Amino acid sequence: SFCLQIYGINHGLPHHFDHDESLIVE
């Protein structure tokens, strides 16, 4: 499970296209 979860975890970075992610982090 850890391998599946960690693989590709940096997708899209350094950009961030998910509006909900931006709401929470900011």
PDB file of all heavy atoms in Angstrom:
ATOM      1  N   SER A   1       0.822  -1.206   0.000  1.00  0.00           N
ATOM      2  CA  SER A   1       0.000   0.000   0.000  1.00  0.00           C
ATOM      3  C   SER A   1       0.860   1.261   0.000  1.00  0.00           C
ATOM      4  O   SER A   1       0.562   2.228  -0.711  1.00  0.00           O
ATOM      5  CB  SER A   1      -0.916   0.001   1.222  1.00  0.00           C
ATOM      6  OG  SER A   1      -1.699   1.175   1.259  1.00  0.00           O
ATOM      7  N   PHE A   2       1.928   1.244   0.794  1.00  0.00           N
ATOM      8  CA  PHE A   2       2.810   2.410   0.853  1.00  0.00           C
ATOM      9  C   PHE A   2       3.421   2.698  -0.515  1.00  0.00           C
ATOM     10  O   PHE A   2       3.492   3.862  -0.941  1.00  0.00           O
ATOM     11  CB  PHE A   2       3.915   2.183   1.881  1.00  0.00           C
ATOM     12  CG  PHE A   2       4.913   3.307   1.965  1.00  0.00           C
ATOM     13  CD1 PHE A   2       4.593   4.493   2.602  1.00  0.00           C
ATOM     14  CD2 PHE A   2       6.167   3.185   1.382  1.00  0.00           C
ATOM     15  CE1 PHE A   2       5.504   5.539   2.671  1.00  0.00           C
ATOM     16  CE2 PHE A   2       7.079   4.212   1.443  1.00  0.00           C
ATOM     17  CZ  PHE A   2       6.752   5.400   2.089  1.00  0.00           C
ATOM     18  N   CYS A   3       3.835   1.648  -1.217  1.00  0.00           N
ATOM     19  CA  CYS A   3       4.417   1.824  -2.555  1.00  0.00           C
ATOM     20  C   CYS A   3       3.394   2.419  -3.517  1.00  0.00           C
ATOM     21  O   CYS A   3       3.726   3.315  -4.313  1.00  0.00           O
ATOM     22  CB  CYS A   3       4.924   0.491  -3.090  1.00  0.00           C
ATOM     23  SG  CYS A   3       6.345  -0.175  -2.200  1.00  0.00           S
ATOM     24  N   LEU A   4       2.149   1.926  -3.441  1.00  0.00           N
ATOM     25  CA  LEU A   4       1.097   2.452  -4.312  1.00  0.00           C
ATOM     26  C   LEU A   4       0.786   3.911  -3.995  1.00  0.00           C
ATOM     27  O   LEU A   4       0.537   4.715  -4.898  1.00  0.00           O
ATOM     28  CB  LEU A   4      -0.176   1.616  -4.160  1.00  0.00           C
ATOM     29  CG  LEU A   4      -0.144   0.186  -4.702  1.00  0.00           C
ATOM     30  CD1 LEU A   4      -1.448  -0.541  -4.373  1.00  0.00           C
ATOM     31  CD2 LEU A   4       0.092   0.169  -6.205  1.00  0.00           C
ATOM     32  N   GLN A   5       0.794   4.241  -2.708  1.00  0.00           N
ATOM     33  CA  GLN A   5       0.452   5.601  -2.298  1.00  0.00           C
ATOM     34  C   GLN A   5       1.565   6.602  -2.588  1.00  0.00           C
ATOM     35  O   GLN A   5       1.299   7.750  -2.926  1.00  0.00           O
ATOM     36  CB  GLN A   5       0.112   5.613  -0.803  1.00  0.00           C
ATOM     37  CG  GLN A   5      -1.153   4.864  -0.443  1.00  0.00           C
ATOM     38  CD  GLN A   5      -1.399   4.841   1.050  1.00  0.00           C
ATOM     39  OE1 GLN A   5      -1.003   5.743   1.768  1.00  0.00           O
ATOM     40  NE2 GLN A   5      -2.038   3.790   1.533  1.00  0.00           N
ATOM     41  N   ILE A   6       2.789   6.177  -2.426  1.00  0.00           N
ATOM     42  CA  ILE A   6       3.908   7.108  -2.576  1.00  0.00           C
ATOM     43  C   ILE A   6       4.289   7.303  -4.047  1.00  0.00           C
ATOM     44  O   ILE A   6       4.861   8.331  -4.421  1.00  0.00           O
ATOM     45  CB  ILE A   6       5.139   6.619  -1.766  1.00  0.00           C
ATOM     46  CG1 ILE A   6       6.003   7.817  -1.342  1.00  0.00           C
ATOM     47  CG2 ILE A   6       5.945   5.601  -2.551  1.00  0.00           C
ATOM     48  CD1 ILE A   6       5.384   8.677  -0.285  1.00  0.00           C
ATOM     49  N   TYR A   7       3.943   6.306  -4.882  1.00  0.00           N
ATOM     50  CA  TYR A   7       4.279   6.406  -6.303  1.00  0.00           C
ATOM     51  C   TYR A   7       3.426   7.490  -6.962  1.00  0.00           C
ATOM     52  O   TYR A   7       2.208   7.464  -6.920  1.00  0.00           O
ATOM     53  CB  TYR A   7       4.045   5.067  -7.010  1.00  0.00           C
ATOM     54  CG  TYR A   7       4.342   5.111  -8.493  1.00  0.00           C
ATOM     55  CD1 TYR A   7       5.656   5.106  -8.957  1.00  0.00           C
ATOM     56  CD2 TYR A   7       3.306   5.178  -9.420  1.00  0.00           C
ATOM     57  CE1 TYR A   7       5.928   5.151 -10.316  1.00  0.00           C
ATOM     58  CE2 TYR A   7       3.573   5.220 -10.780  1.00  0.00           C
ATOM     59  CZ  TYR A   7       4.882   5.211 -11.220  1.00  0.00           C
ATOM     60  OH  TYR A   7       5.158   5.263 -12.563  1.00  0.00           O
ATOM     61  N   GLY A   8       4.081   8.457  -7.549  1.00  0.00           N
ATOM     62  CA  GLY A   8       3.374   9.538  -8.229  1.00  0.00           C
ATOM     63  C   GLY A   8       2.795  10.586  -7.311  1.00  0.00           C
ATOM     64  O   GLY A   8       1.968  11.404  -7.740  1.00  0.00           O
ATOM     65  N   ILE A   9       3.212  10.605  -6.041  1.00  0.00           N
ATOM     66  CA  ILE A   9       2.641  11.549  -5.088  1.00  0.00           C
ATOM     67  C   ILE A   9       2.993  13.000  -5.425  1.00  0.00           C
ATOM     68  O   ILE A   9       2.319  13.938  -4.989  1.00  0.00           O
ATOM     69  CB  ILE A   9       3.107  11.209  -3.647  1.00  0.00           C
ATOM     70  CG1 ILE A   9       2.263  11.966  -2.609  1.00  0.00           C
ATOM     71  CG2 ILE A   9       4.585  11.514  -3.474  1.00  0.00           C
ATOM     72  CD1 ILE A   9       2.555  11.592  -1.191  1.00  0.00           C
ATOM     73  N   ASN A  10       4.044  13.184  -6.203  1.00  0.00           N
ATOM     74  CA  ASN A  10       4.457  14.549  -6.570  1.00  0.00           C
ATOM     75  C   ASN A  10       3.834  14.993  -7.886  1.00  0.00           C
ATOM     76  O   ASN A  10       4.318  15.955  -8.501  1.00  0.00           O
ATOM     77  CB  ASN A  10       5.982  14.629  -6.642  1.00  0.00           C
ATOM     78  CG  ASN A  10       6.567  13.711  -7.712  1.00  0.00           C
ATOM     79  OD1 ASN A  10       5.910  12.739  -8.111  1.00  0.00           O
ATOM     80  ND2 ASN A  10       7.772  13.998  -8.164  1.00  0.00           N
ATOM     81  N   HIS A  11       2.769  14.347  -8.333  1.00  0.00           N
ATOM     82  CA  HIS A  11       2.166  14.694  -9.615  1.00  0.00           C
ATOM     83  C   HIS A  11       1.725  16.156  -9.625  1.00  0.00           C
ATOM     84  O   HIS A  11       1.155  16.676  -8.680  1.00  0.00           O
ATOM     85  CB  HIS A  11       0.962  13.791  -9.907  1.00  0.00           C
ATOM     86  CG  HIS A  11      -0.191  14.005  -8.966  1.00  0.00           C
ATOM     87  ND1 HIS A  11      -1.196  14.916  -9.207  1.00  0.00           N
ATOM     88  CD2 HIS A  11      -0.505  13.426  -7.775  1.00  0.00           C
ATOM     89  CE1 HIS A  11      -2.062  14.900  -8.221  1.00  0.00           C
ATOM     90  NE2 HIS A  11      -1.677  14.018  -7.333  1.00  0.00           N
ATOM     91  N   GLY A  12       2.052  16.828 -10.731  1.00  0.00           N
ATOM     92  CA  GLY A  12       1.636  18.220 -10.905  1.00  0.00           C
ATOM     93  C   GLY A  12       2.518  19.255 -10.252  1.00  0.00           C
ATOM     94  O   GLY A  12       2.482  20.432 -10.621  1.00  0.00           O
ATOM     95  N   LEU A  13       3.312  18.857  -9.264  1.00  0.00           N
ATOM     96  CA  LEU A  13       4.168  19.810  -8.561  1.00  0.00           C
ATOM     97  C   LEU A  13       5.354  20.196  -9.432  1.00  0.00           C
ATOM     98  O   LEU A  13       5.851  19.385 -10.209  1.00  0.00           O
ATOM     99  CB  LEU A  13       4.654  19.200  -7.244  1.00  0.00           C
ATOM    100  CG  LEU A  13       3.549  18.812  -6.256  1.00  0.00           C
ATOM    101  CD1 LEU A  13       4.150  18.192  -5.001  1.00  0.00           C
ATOM    102  CD2 LEU A  13       2.684  20.012  -5.897  1.00  0.00           C
ATOM    103  N   PRO A  14       5.825  21.451  -9.348  1.00  0.00           N
ATOM    104  CA  PRO A  14       5.498  22.471  -8.337  1.00  0.00           C
ATOM    105  C   PRO A  14       4.190  23.217  -8.578  1.00  0.00           C
ATOM    106  O   PRO A  14       3.821  24.078  -7.793  1.00  0.00           O
ATOM    107  CB  PRO A  14       6.687  23.432  -8.416  1.00  0.00           C
ATOM    108  CG  PRO A  14       7.088  23.369  -9.852  1.00  0.00           C
ATOM    109  CD  PRO A  14       6.874  21.931 -10.263  1.00  0.00           C
ATOM    110  N   HIS A  15       3.510  22.908  -9.696  1.00  0.00           N
ATOM    111  CA  HIS A  15       2.222  23.554  -9.945  1.00  0.00           C
ATOM    112  C   HIS A  15       1.148  22.838  -9.131  1.00  0.00           C
ATOM    113  O   HIS A  15       1.324  21.692  -8.712  1.00  0.00           O
ATOM    114  CB  HIS A  15       1.894  23.501 -11.432  1.00  0.00           C
ATOM    115  CG  HIS A  15       2.998  24.015 -12.310  1.00  0.00           C
ATOM    116  ND1 HIS A  15       3.319  25.347 -12.401  1.00  0.00           N
ATOM    117  CD2 HIS A  15       3.877  23.358 -13.112  1.00  0.00           C
ATOM    118  CE1 HIS A  15       4.342  25.505 -13.229  1.00  0.00           C
ATOM    119  NE2 HIS A  15       4.706  24.312 -13.664  1.00  0.00           N
ATOM    120  N   HIS A  16       0.033  23.494  -8.923  1.00  0.00           N
ATOM    121  CA  HIS A  16      -1.059  22.874  -8.183  1.00  0.00           C
ATOM    122  C   HIS A  16      -2.366  23.257  -8.872  1.00  0.00           C
ATOM    123  O   HIS A  16      -2.766  24.405  -8.909  1.00  0.00           O
ATOM    124  CB  HIS A  16      -1.055  23.314  -6.715  1.00  0.00           C
ATOM    125  CG  HIS A  16      -0.725  24.750  -6.484  1.00  0.00           C
ATOM    126  ND1 HIS A  16      -1.672  25.725  -6.335  1.00  0.00           N
ATOM    127  CD2 HIS A  16       0.469  25.378  -6.397  1.00  0.00           C
ATOM    128  CE1 HIS A  16      -1.091  26.901  -6.165  1.00  0.00           C
ATOM    129  NE2 HIS A  16       0.206  26.726  -6.191  1.00  0.00           N
ATOM    130  N   PHE A  17      -3.009  22.244  -9.435  1.00  0.00           N
ATOM    131  CA  PHE A  17      -4.198  22.473 -10.253  1.00  0.00           C
ATOM    132  C   PHE A  17      -5.496  22.126  -9.527  1.00  0.00           C
ATOM    133  O   PHE A  17      -6.572  22.440  -9.995  1.00  0.00           O
ATOM    134  CB  PHE A  17      -4.103  21.644 -11.543  1.00  0.00           C
ATOM    135  CG  PHE A  17      -2.842  21.907 -12.330  1.00  0.00           C
ATOM    136  CD1 PHE A  17      -1.811  20.981 -12.336  1.00  0.00           C
ATOM    137  CD2 PHE A  17      -2.697  23.083 -13.048  1.00  0.00           C
ATOM    138  CE1 PHE A  17      -0.656  21.218 -13.060  1.00  0.00           C
ATOM    139  CE2 PHE A  17      -1.535  23.331 -13.769  1.00  0.00           C
ATOM    140  CZ  PHE A  17      -0.507  22.400 -13.776  1.00  0.00           C
ATOM    141  N   ASP A  18      -5.379  21.454  -8.395  1.00  0.00           N
ATOM    142  CA  ASP A  18      -6.573  21.076  -7.632  1.00  0.00           C
ATOM    143  C   ASP A  18      -6.957  22.240  -6.719  1.00  0.00           C
ATOM    144  O   ASP A  18      -6.228  22.580  -5.788  1.00  0.00           O
ATOM    145  CB  ASP A  18      -6.284  19.818  -6.805  1.00  0.00           C
ATOM    146  CG  ASP A  18      -7.547  19.223  -6.200  1.00  0.00           C
ATOM    147  OD1 ASP A  18      -8.398  20.014  -5.722  1.00  0.00           O
ATOM    148  OD2 ASP A  18      -7.678  17.993  -6.191  1.00  0.00           O
ATOM    149  N   HIS A  19      -8.111  22.831  -6.996  1.00  0.00           N
ATOM    150  CA  HIS A  19      -8.544  24.014  -6.235  1.00  0.00           C
ATOM    151  C   HIS A  19      -8.724  23.697  -4.759  1.00  0.00           C
ATOM    152  O   HIS A  19      -8.395  24.512  -3.887  1.00  0.00           O
ATOM    153  CB  HIS A  19      -9.849  24.548  -6.825  1.00  0.00           C
ATOM    154  CG  HIS A  19     -10.377  25.757  -6.128  1.00  0.00           C
ATOM    155  ND1 HIS A  19      -9.653  26.934  -6.027  1.00  0.00           N
ATOM    156  CD2 HIS A  19     -11.565  25.978  -5.470  1.00  0.00           C
ATOM    157  CE1 HIS A  19     -10.359  27.831  -5.365  1.00  0.00           C
ATOM    158  NE2 HIS A  19     -11.519  27.273  -5.019  1.00  0.00           N
ATOM    159  N   ASP A  20      -9.235  22.498  -4.451  1.00  0.00           N
ATOM    160  CA  ASP A  20      -9.467  22.133  -3.049  1.00  0.00           C
ATOM    161  C   ASP A  20      -8.147  21.992  -2.289  1.00  0.00           C
ATOM    162  O   ASP A  20      -8.055  22.363  -1.115  1.00  0.00           O
ATOM    163  CB  ASP A  20     -10.250  20.821  -2.963  1.00  0.00           C
ATOM    164  CG  ASP A  20     -11.699  20.999  -3.384  1.00  0.00           C
ATOM    165  OD1 ASP A  20     -12.159  22.156  -3.434  1.00  0.00           O
ATOM    166  OD2 ASP A  20     -12.366  19.987  -3.678  1.00  0.00           O
ATOM    167  N   GLU A  21      -7.127  21.453  -2.946  1.00  0.00           N
ATOM    168  CA  GLU A  21      -5.806  21.373  -2.319  1.00  0.00           C
ATOM    169  C   GLU A  21      -5.293  22.769  -1.977  1.00  0.00           C
ATOM    170  O   GLU A  21      -4.761  23.002  -0.889  1.00  0.00           O
ATOM    171  CB  GLU A  21      -4.816  20.668  -3.243  1.00  0.00           C
ATOM    172  CG  GLU A  21      -4.867  19.164  -3.223  1.00  0.00           C
ATOM    173  CD  GLU A  21      -3.665  18.549  -3.905  1.00  0.00           C
ATOM    174  OE1 GLU A  21      -3.318  19.004  -5.015  1.00  0.00           O
ATOM    175  OE2 GLU A  21      -3.066  17.622  -3.348  1.00  0.00           O
ATOM    176  N   SER A  22      -5.453  23.688  -2.920  1.00  0.00           N
ATOM    177  CA  SER A  22      -4.982  25.060  -2.705  1.00  0.00           C
ATOM    178  C   SER A  22      -5.720  25.711  -1.543  1.00  0.00           C
ATOM    179  O   SER A  22      -5.114  26.416  -0.721  1.00  0.00           O
ATOM    180  CB  SER A  22      -5.179  25.893  -3.976  1.00  0.00           C
ATOM    181  OG  SER A  22      -4.437  25.355  -5.050  1.00  0.00           O
ATOM    182  N   LEU A  23      -7.028  25.477  -1.449  1.00  0.00           N
ATOM    183  CA  LEU A  23      -7.814  26.052  -0.360  1.00  0.00           C
ATOM    184  C   LEU A  23      -7.265  25.630   0.998  1.00  0.00           C
ATOM    185  O   LEU A  23      -7.083  26.455   1.892  1.00  0.00           O
ATOM    186  CB  LEU A  23      -9.278  25.611  -0.477  1.00  0.00           C
ATOM    187  CG  LEU A  23     -10.157  26.337  -1.502  1.00  0.00           C
ATOM    188  CD1 LEU A  23     -11.535  25.684  -1.542  1.00  0.00           C
ATOM    189  CD2 LEU A  23     -10.288  27.817  -1.166  1.00  0.00           C
ATOM    190  N   ILE A  24      -6.966  24.346   1.145  1.00  0.00           N
ATOM    191  CA  ILE A  24      -6.533  23.828   2.441  1.00  0.00           C
ATOM    192  C   ILE A  24      -5.122  24.279   2.774  1.00  0.00           C
ATOM    193  O   ILE A  24      -4.845  24.756   3.883  1.00  0.00           O
ATOM    194  CB  ILE A  24      -6.624  22.289   2.452  1.00  0.00           C
ATOM    195  CG1 ILE A  24      -8.076  21.852   2.417  1.00  0.00           C
ATOM    196  CG2 ILE A  24      -5.939  21.717   3.686  1.00  0.00           C
ATOM    197  CD1 ILE A  24      -8.282  20.363   2.385  1.00  0.00           C
ATOM    198  N   VAL A  25      -4.194  24.134   1.829  1.00  0.00           N
ATOM    199  CA  VAL A  25      -2.792  24.470   2.096  1.00  0.00           C
ATOM    200  C   VAL A  25      -2.642  25.965   2.377  1.00  0.00           C
ATOM    201  O   VAL A  25      -1.985  26.366   3.345  1.00  0.00           O
ATOM    202  CB  VAL A  25      -1.900  24.047   0.916  1.00  0.00           C
ATOM    203  CG1 VAL A  25      -0.478  24.573   1.102  1.00  0.00           C
ATOM    204  CG2 VAL A  25      -1.881  22.524   0.786  1.00  0.00           C
ATOM    205  N   GLU A  26      -3.235  26.805   1.552  1.00  0.00           N
ATOM    206  CA  GLU A  26      -3.125  28.248   1.748  1.00  0.00           C
ATOM    207  C   GLU A  26      -3.824  28.695   3.024  1.00  0.00           C
ATOM    208  O   GLU A  26      -3.340  29.572   3.739  1.00  0.00           O
ATOM    209  CB  GLU A  26      -3.695  28.973   0.528  1.00  0.00           C
ATOM    210  CG  GLU A  26      -2.861  28.765  -0.739  1.00  0.00           C
ATOM    211  CD  GLU A  26      -3.506  29.376  -1.964  1.00  0.00           C
ATOM    212  OE1 GLU A  26      -4.515  30.102  -1.809  1.00  0.00           O
ATOM    213  OE2 GLU A  26      -3.013  29.129  -3.082  1.00  0.00           O
TER     214      GLU A  26
END
